[in-house]
């Protein structure tokens, strides 16, 4: 009986750690997608590019396994984005901001 209880506890812990690892992995994917989307969006604000920064950011987020949920052109060629990535237990989200070094907070 004790052995059965121990096996159940070990299996529960293994399942919990699997879900936790999946969530952490999704958070990393969300951050990478947000970083790349912000950079792609900010690059569209350069004088030589001339395009819609949020459209490019959304495409970049999608290509990296995420979905763009927020995109703001903050002016001074700065773009702030929020990307969500679905997981087994919900969604992981991340924010990123990109622009020229002169626009640092």
C-alpha atoms as a PDB file:
ATOM      1  CA  UNK A   1       0.000   0.000   0.000  1.00  0.00           C
ATOM      2  CA  UNK A   2       2.829   2.366   0.850  1.00  0.00           C
ATOM      3  CA  UNK A   3       4.523   1.559  -2.441  1.00  0.00           C
ATOM      4  CA  UNK A   4       1.346   2.385  -4.381  1.00  0.00           C
ATOM      5  CA  UNK A   5       1.085   5.756  -2.637  1.00  0.00           C
ATOM      6  CA  UNK A   6       4.712   6.510  -3.407  1.00  0.00           C
ATOM      7  CA  UNK A   7       4.217   5.645  -7.084  1.00  0.00           C
ATOM      8  CA  UNK A   8       1.188   7.960  -7.236  1.00  0.00           C
ATOM      9  CA  UNK A   9       3.135  10.832  -5.677  1.00  0.00           C
ATOM     10  CA  UNK A  10       6.042  10.344  -8.093  1.00  0.00           C
ATOM     11  CA  UNK A  11       3.704  10.268 -11.102  1.00  0.00           C
ATOM     12  CA  UNK A  12       1.896  13.385  -9.909  1.00  0.00           C
ATOM     13  CA  UNK A  13       5.202  15.227  -9.490  1.00  0.00           C
ATOM     14  CA  UNK A  14       6.367  14.126 -12.953  1.00  0.00           C
ATOM     15  CA  UNK A  15       3.135  15.400 -14.518  1.00  0.00           C
ATOM     16  CA  UNK A  16       3.399  18.690 -12.613  1.00  0.00           C
ATOM     17  CA  UNK A  17       6.992  19.198 -13.710  1.00  0.00           C
ATOM     18  CA  UNK A  18       6.013  18.452 -17.320  1.00  0.00           C
ATOM     19  CA  UNK A  19       3.317  21.137 -17.269  1.00  0.00           C
ATOM     20  CA  UNK A  20       5.710  23.570 -15.609  1.00  0.00           C
ATOM     21  CA  UNK A  21       8.395  22.920 -18.239  1.00  0.00           C
ATOM     22  CA  UNK A  22       5.850  23.389 -21.016  1.00  0.00           C
ATOM     23  CA  UNK A  23       4.739  26.722 -19.567  1.00  0.00           C
ATOM     24  CA  UNK A  24       8.325  27.935 -19.207  1.00  0.00           C
ATOM     25  CA  UNK A  25       9.083  26.923 -22.785  1.00  0.00           C
ATOM     26  CA  UNK A  26       6.005  28.789 -24.031  1.00  0.00           C
ATOM     27  CA  UNK A  27       7.087  31.880 -22.083  1.00  0.00           C
ATOM     28  CA  UNK A  28      10.471  31.760 -23.821  1.00  0.00           C
ATOM     29  CA  UNK A  29       8.812  31.395 -27.230  1.00  0.00           C
ATOM     30  CA  UNK A  30       6.505  34.321 -26.434  1.00  0.00           C
ATOM     31  CA  UNK A  31       9.454  36.529 -25.452  1.00  0.00           C
ATOM     32  CA  UNK A  32      11.421  35.633 -28.578  1.00  0.00           C
ATOM     33  CA  UNK A  33       8.381  36.302 -30.785  1.00  0.00           C
ATOM     34  CA  UNK A  34       7.734  39.626 -29.021  1.00  0.00           C
ATOM     35  CA  UNK A  35      11.359  40.743 -29.377  1.00  0.00           C
ATOM     36  CA  UNK A  36      11.433  39.904 -33.076  1.00  0.00           C
ATOM     37  CA  UNK A  37       8.015  41.474 -33.712  1.00  0.00           C
ATOM     38  CA  UNK A  38       9.052  44.725 -32.002  1.00  0.00           C
ATOM     39  CA  UNK A  39      12.263  44.920 -34.020  1.00  0.00           C
ATOM     40  CA  UNK A  40      10.418  44.186 -37.274  1.00  0.00           C
ATOM     41  CA  UNK A  41       7.788  46.811 -36.469  1.00  0.00           C
ATOM     42  CA  UNK A  42      10.352  49.442 -35.526  1.00  0.00           C
ATOM     43  CA  UNK A  43      12.277  48.778 -38.735  1.00  0.00           C
ATOM     44  CA  UNK A  44       9.186  49.806 -40.699  1.00  0.00           C
ATOM     45  CA  UNK A  45       9.368  53.259 -39.104  1.00  0.00           C
ATOM     46  CA  UNK A  46      12.748  53.974 -40.667  1.00  0.00           C
ATOM     47  CA  UNK A  47      12.669  56.596 -43.434  1.00  0.00           C
ATOM     48  CA  UNK A  48      13.756  54.064 -46.079  1.00  0.00           C
ATOM     49  CA  UNK A  49      11.149  51.388 -45.179  1.00  0.00           C
ATOM     50  CA  UNK A  50       7.793  53.111 -44.968  1.00  0.00           C
ATOM     51  CA  UNK A  51       5.188  50.519 -44.019  1.00  0.00           C
ATOM     52  CA  UNK A  52       2.660  49.676 -41.334  1.00  0.00           C
ATOM     53  CA  UNK A  53       4.694  48.669 -38.263  1.00  0.00           C
ATOM     54  CA  UNK A  54       1.851  46.754 -36.609  1.00  0.00           C
ATOM     55  CA  UNK A  55       1.107  44.710 -39.724  1.00  0.00           C
ATOM     56  CA  UNK A  56       4.741  43.625 -40.006  1.00  0.00           C
ATOM     57  CA  UNK A  57       4.901  42.967 -36.250  1.00  0.00           C
ATOM     58  CA  UNK A  58       1.786  40.764 -36.471  1.00  0.00           C
ATOM     59  CA  UNK A  59       3.244  38.771 -39.370  1.00  0.00           C
ATOM     60  CA  UNK A  60       6.515  38.304 -37.506  1.00  0.00           C
ATOM     61  CA  UNK A  61       4.754  37.178 -34.312  1.00  0.00           C
ATOM     62  CA  UNK A  62       2.647  34.675 -36.269  1.00  0.00           C
ATOM     63  CA  UNK A  63       5.685  33.249 -38.046  1.00  0.00           C
ATOM     64  CA  UNK A  64       7.286  32.686 -34.646  1.00  0.00           C
ATOM     65  CA  UNK A  65       4.341  30.808 -33.150  1.00  0.00           C
ATOM     66  CA  UNK A  66       2.610  33.675 -31.371  1.00  0.00           C
ATOM     67  CA  UNK A  67      -0.245  36.104 -31.841  1.00  0.00           C
ATOM     68  CA  UNK A  68       0.122  39.867 -31.591  1.00  0.00           C
ATOM     69  CA  UNK A  69      -2.346  41.171 -29.012  1.00  0.00           C
ATOM     70  CA  UNK A  70      -1.111  44.760 -28.609  1.00  0.00           C
ATOM     71  CA  UNK A  71       0.900  47.015 -30.897  1.00  0.00           C
ATOM     72  CA  UNK A  72       1.600  50.669 -30.169  1.00  0.00           C
ATOM     73  CA  UNK A  73       3.571  53.183 -32.167  1.00  0.00           C
ATOM     74  CA  UNK A  74       5.004  55.316 -29.350  1.00  0.00           C
ATOM     75  CA  UNK A  75       6.495  57.895 -31.671  1.00  0.00           C
ATOM     76  CA  UNK A  76      10.188  58.625 -32.229  1.00  0.00           C
ATOM     77  CA  UNK A  77      10.388  55.361 -34.229  1.00  0.00           C
ATOM     78  CA  UNK A  78       9.570  53.237 -31.153  1.00  0.00           C
ATOM     79  CA  UNK A  79       7.176  50.272 -31.216  1.00  0.00           C
ATOM     80  CA  UNK A  80       5.833  48.389 -28.182  1.00  0.00           C
ATOM     81  CA  UNK A  81       4.185  44.985 -28.684  1.00  0.00           C
ATOM     82  CA  UNK A  82       2.590  42.235 -26.631  1.00  0.00           C
ATOM     83  CA  UNK A  83       2.571  38.657 -27.964  1.00  0.00           C
ATOM     84  CA  UNK A  84       0.664  35.654 -26.611  1.00  0.00           C
ATOM     85  CA  UNK A  85       1.479  31.976 -27.186  1.00  0.00           C
ATOM     86  CA  UNK A  86      -1.039  29.236 -26.326  1.00  0.00           C
ATOM     87  CA  UNK A  87      -0.032  26.537 -23.824  1.00  0.00           C
ATOM     88  CA  UNK A  88      -1.714  23.448 -22.391  1.00  0.00           C
ATOM     89  CA  UNK A  89      -2.968  25.401 -19.390  1.00  0.00           C
ATOM     90  CA  UNK A  90      -3.617  28.847 -20.852  1.00  0.00           C
ATOM     91  CA  UNK A  91      -1.494  31.418 -22.618  1.00  0.00           C
ATOM     92  CA  UNK A  92       1.994  32.761 -22.105  1.00  0.00           C
ATOM     93  CA  UNK A  93       2.541  36.414 -22.897  1.00  0.00           C
ATOM     94  CA  UNK A  94       5.495  38.735 -23.282  1.00  0.00           C
ATOM     95  CA  UNK A  95       6.089  42.389 -24.075  1.00  0.00           C
ATOM     96  CA  UNK A  96       8.895  44.041 -25.991  1.00  0.00           C
ATOM     97  CA  UNK A  97       9.843  47.541 -27.055  1.00  0.00           C
ATOM     98  CA  UNK A  98      12.165  48.437 -29.921  1.00  0.00           C
ATOM     99  CA  UNK A  99      13.479  51.615 -31.441  1.00  0.00           C
ATOM    100  CA  UNK A 100      16.619  53.689 -31.741  1.00  0.00           C
ATOM    101  CA  UNK A 101      19.057  53.965 -28.856  1.00  0.00           C
ATOM    102  CA  UNK A 102      18.216  57.658 -28.524  1.00  0.00           C
ATOM    103  CA  UNK A 103      14.694  56.681 -27.388  1.00  0.00           C
ATOM    104  CA  UNK A 104      15.734  54.612 -24.344  1.00  0.00           C
ATOM    105  CA  UNK A 105      13.625  55.011 -21.212  1.00  0.00           C
END
